[in-house]
Protein backbone atom coordinates (compact mmCIF):
# COMPACT_ATOMS: atom_id res chain seq x y z
CA UNK A 1 79.12 30.12 67.07
CA UNK A 2 79.26 32.62 70.04
CA UNK A 3 82.99 33.02 69.21
CA UNK A 4 82.26 33.85 65.47
CA UNK A 5 79.78 36.30 66.65
CA UNK A 6 82.10 38.25 68.66
CA UNK A 7 84.82 38.11 66.02
CA UNK A 8 82.10 40.01 63.90
CA UNK A 9 81.48 42.50 66.34
CA UNK A 10 85.18 43.20 66.90
CA UNK A 11 85.85 43.50 63.54
CA UNK A 12 82.54 45.85 63.34
CA UNK A 13 81.33 44.16 60.29
CA UNK A 14 78.13 45.90 58.95
CA UNK A 15 76.19 45.25 56.16
CA UNK A 16 74.42 48.44 55.23
CA UNK A 17 71.55 47.54 52.93
CA UNK A 18 69.70 50.94 52.84
CA UNK A 19 70.96 51.45 49.39
CA UNK A 20 70.13 47.75 48.16
CA UNK A 21 67.66 48.27 45.57
CA UNK A 22 65.35 46.25 43.20
CA UNK A 23 68.18 46.44 40.37
CA UNK A 24 70.64 44.96 43.00
CA UNK A 25 68.10 42.08 43.67
CA UNK A 26 67.82 41.80 39.87
CA UNK A 27 71.53 41.41 39.17
CA UNK A 28 72.10 38.91 42.19
CA UNK A 29 68.99 36.84 40.48
CA UNK A 30 70.36 37.08 37.15
CA UNK A 31 73.76 35.74 38.37
CA UNK A 32 72.07 32.81 40.21
CA UNK A 33 70.17 31.68 37.27
CA UNK A 34 73.09 32.27 34.97
CA UNK A 35 71.30 34.64 32.55
CA UNK A 36 74.18 36.67 31.03
CA UNK A 37 72.14 38.75 29.12
CA UNK A 38 70.20 39.93 32.17
CA UNK A 39 73.44 40.33 33.96
CA UNK A 40 74.52 42.90 31.47
CA UNK A 41 71.36 44.61 31.16
CA UNK A 42 70.81 44.99 34.79
CA UNK A 43 74.20 46.22 35.30
CA UNK A 44 73.68 49.20 32.92
CA UNK A 45 71.10 50.57 35.40
CA UNK A 46 72.30 53.61 37.40
CA UNK A 47 73.65 52.60 40.77
CA UNK A 48 73.86 49.20 40.18
CA UNK A 49 77.29 48.02 41.87
CA UNK A 50 77.96 44.27 41.95
CA UNK A 51 79.99 44.23 44.79
CA UNK A 52 77.03 45.69 46.82
CA UNK A 53 76.04 43.52 49.86
CA UNK A 54 72.51 42.53 50.35
CA UNK A 55 70.98 42.19 54.00
CA UNK A 56 72.38 38.58 54.00
CA UNK A 57 75.80 39.82 53.09
CA UNK A 58 75.92 38.36 49.41
CA UNK A 59 76.57 40.22 46.55
CA UNK A 60 76.12 39.32 42.75
CA UNK A 61 80.27 39.52 42.25
CA UNK A 62 80.82 37.05 44.87
CA UNK A 63 78.09 34.69 43.84
CA UNK A 64 79.62 34.73 40.25
CA UNK A 65 82.93 33.66 41.77
CA UNK A 66 81.44 30.85 43.84
CA UNK A 67 78.91 29.59 41.43
CA UNK A 68 82.01 29.49 38.62
CA UNK A 69 80.41 31.79 36.45
CA UNK A 70 83.25 33.07 34.61
CA UNK A 71 81.43 35.22 32.06
CA UNK A 72 79.48 37.13 34.74
CA UNK A 73 82.75 37.61 36.66
CA UNK A 74 84.64 38.99 33.51
CA UNK A 75 81.70 41.37 33.03
CA UNK A 76 81.84 42.66 36.54
CA UNK A 77 85.74 43.01 36.33
CA UNK A 78 85.39 44.78 32.86
CA UNK A 79 82.95 47.15 34.71
CA UNK A 80 85.39 47.90 37.23
CA UNK A 81 84.36 45.62 40.32
CA UNK A 82 86.69 45.91 43.28
CA UNK A 83 88.43 42.66 43.44
CA UNK A 84 89.29 43.66 47.40
CA UNK A 85 85.76 43.32 48.24
CA UNK A 86 84.63 41.02 50.82
CA UNK A 87 81.23 39.54 51.37
CA UNK A 88 79.57 39.47 55.00
CA UNK A 89 82.18 36.89 56.22
CA UNK A 90 84.99 38.94 55.16
CA UNK A 91 85.63 36.60 52.17
CA UNK A 92 86.98 37.71 48.77
CA UNK A 93 85.58 36.47 45.61
CA UNK A 94 88.76 34.57 45.23
CA UNK A 95 88.15 32.54 48.68
CA UNK A 96 84.58 31.58 47.18
CA UNK A 97 85.93 30.46 43.90
CA UNK A 98 88.95 28.56 45.48
CA UNK A 99 86.56 26.79 47.92
CA UNK A 100 84.33 25.55 45.07
CA UNK A 101 87.28 24.69 42.85
CA UNK A 102 86.36 27.11 40.17
CA UNK A 103 90.19 27.68 38.48
CA UNK A 104 89.18 29.55 35.50
CA UNK A 105 87.40 32.24 37.99
CA UNK A 106 90.38 31.95 40.31
CA UNK A 107 92.77 32.64 37.37
CA UNK A 108 90.49 35.66 36.27
CA UNK A 109 90.47 37.17 39.84
CA UNK A 110 94.35 36.82 40.18
CA UNK A 111 94.73 38.42 36.62
CA UNK A 112 93.07 41.31 38.00
CA UNK A 113 95.06 41.72 41.02
CA UNK A 114 92.89 40.05 43.60
CA UNK A 115 94.89 39.69 46.77
CA UNK A 116 96.04 36.10 46.92
CA UNK A 117 96.73 36.08 50.64
CA UNK A 118 93.56 38.22 51.93
CA UNK A 119 92.05 36.72 55.22
CA UNK A 120 88.53 36.31 56.21
CA UNK A 121 86.89 37.05 59.76
CA UNK A 122 88.39 33.89 60.77
CA UNK A 123 91.94 34.46 59.53
CA UNK A 124 91.82 32.27 56.81
CA UNK A 125 93.15 32.63 53.20
CA UNK A 126 92.05 31.10 49.88
CA UNK A 127 94.37 28.26 50.46
CA UNK A 128 92.70 27.51 53.82
CA UNK A 129 89.24 27.65 52.11
CA UNK A 130 90.43 25.33 49.23
CA UNK A 131 91.93 22.77 51.96
CA UNK A 132 88.78 22.79 53.81
CA UNK A 133 86.47 21.86 50.79
CA UNK A 134 89.13 19.28 49.61
CA UNK A 135 89.70 21.11 46.32
CA UNK A 136 93.04 19.71 45.08
CA UNK A 137 92.99 21.74 41.71
CA UNK A 138 92.40 25.05 43.95
CA UNK A 139 95.35 24.19 46.15
CA UNK A 140 97.65 23.41 43.18
CA UNK A 141 96.88 26.70 41.62
CA UNK A 142 97.35 28.62 44.63
CA UNK A 143 100.53 26.90 45.42
CA UNK A 144 101.67 27.80 41.81
CA UNK A 145 100.74 31.63 42.37
CA UNK A 146 103.01 31.58 45.41
CA UNK A 147 100.24 31.99 48.07
CA UNK A 148 101.11 31.76 51.58
CA UNK A 149 100.91 28.10 52.70
CA UNK A 150 101.92 28.68 56.27
CA UNK A 151 99.41 31.28 56.92
CA UNK A 152 97.70 30.71 60.35
CA UNK A 153 94.25 31.40 60.88
CA UNK A 154 92.53 32.30 64.48
CA UNK A 155 92.34 28.68 65.56
CA UNK A 156 96.19 28.60 64.73
CA UNK A 157 95.63 26.04 61.98
CA UNK A 158 97.85 26.41 58.67
CA UNK A 159 96.41 24.73 55.51
CA UNK A 160 98.56 21.85 55.88
CA UNK A 161 97.17 21.01 59.51
CA UNK A 162 93.60 21.57 58.47
CA UNK A 163 94.35 18.96 55.43
CA UNK A 164 95.89 16.36 57.90
CA UNK A 165 93.10 16.95 60.48
CA UNK A 166 90.72 16.10 57.52
CA UNK A 167 92.92 13.13 56.41
CA UNK A 168 92.96 14.52 53.10
CA UNK A 169 96.05 13.18 51.41
CA UNK A 170 95.64 14.66 48.16
CA UNK A 171 95.64 18.11 49.34
CA UNK A 172 98.56 17.52 51.72
CA UNK A 173 100.89 16.41 48.61
CA UNK A 174 100.83 19.96 46.69
CA UNK A 175 101.22 21.83 50.04
CA UNK A 176 104.27 19.65 51.04
CA UNK A 177 105.87 20.08 47.51
CA UNK A 178 105.41 23.66 47.96
CA UNK A 179 107.21 23.62 51.04
CA UNK A 180 104.58 23.68 53.88
CA UNK A 181 105.91 23.52 57.28
CA UNK A 182 105.25 20.15 58.97
CA UNK A 183 105.97 21.18 62.53
CA UNK A 184 103.40 23.64 63.12
CA UNK A 185 100.77 23.23 65.97
CA UNK A 186 97.58 24.71 66.16
CA UNK A 187 96.13 26.27 69.58
CA UNK A 188 94.88 22.68 70.75
CA UNK A 189 98.45 21.69 70.33
CA UNK A 190 97.56 19.40 67.40
């Protein structure tokens, strides 16, 4: 945990919430409760930005992706949401959708040019997150879209090495089919 805090400090991640308003909170709550009508109505308020982070580092945009709420995600993208935006952990909406196995949201984000190989504060890509969650469908989709399957995180792990450490044969298979390197060693020489 101490290492993660140091990484946050090094990357100078700040969550500026002085602009967080009651409408931003309402938008986040509408996404959390799956109320599309409230999402649309709240988004029309002046100053409401779906990618704005609350004090905990969450946004309505990222919440929609993580929950698999493709309808809200589509509304946000139509209103010009920045697909490059990250949450407080440095994760894009694609990271969150991949981790949860929401392939429709992933496809929508990729269609809107969400960077497939963006890294979070731990150097992990969406493929790493999909592997850590054991989401075979997410891994397959990312592999089919030419995601970097040999990306190395800050611990020196590739998606394949993470899958092997977690004994996830179902996740290893699509990575190997896509050409993942089998000879990589992490920082612990595993």
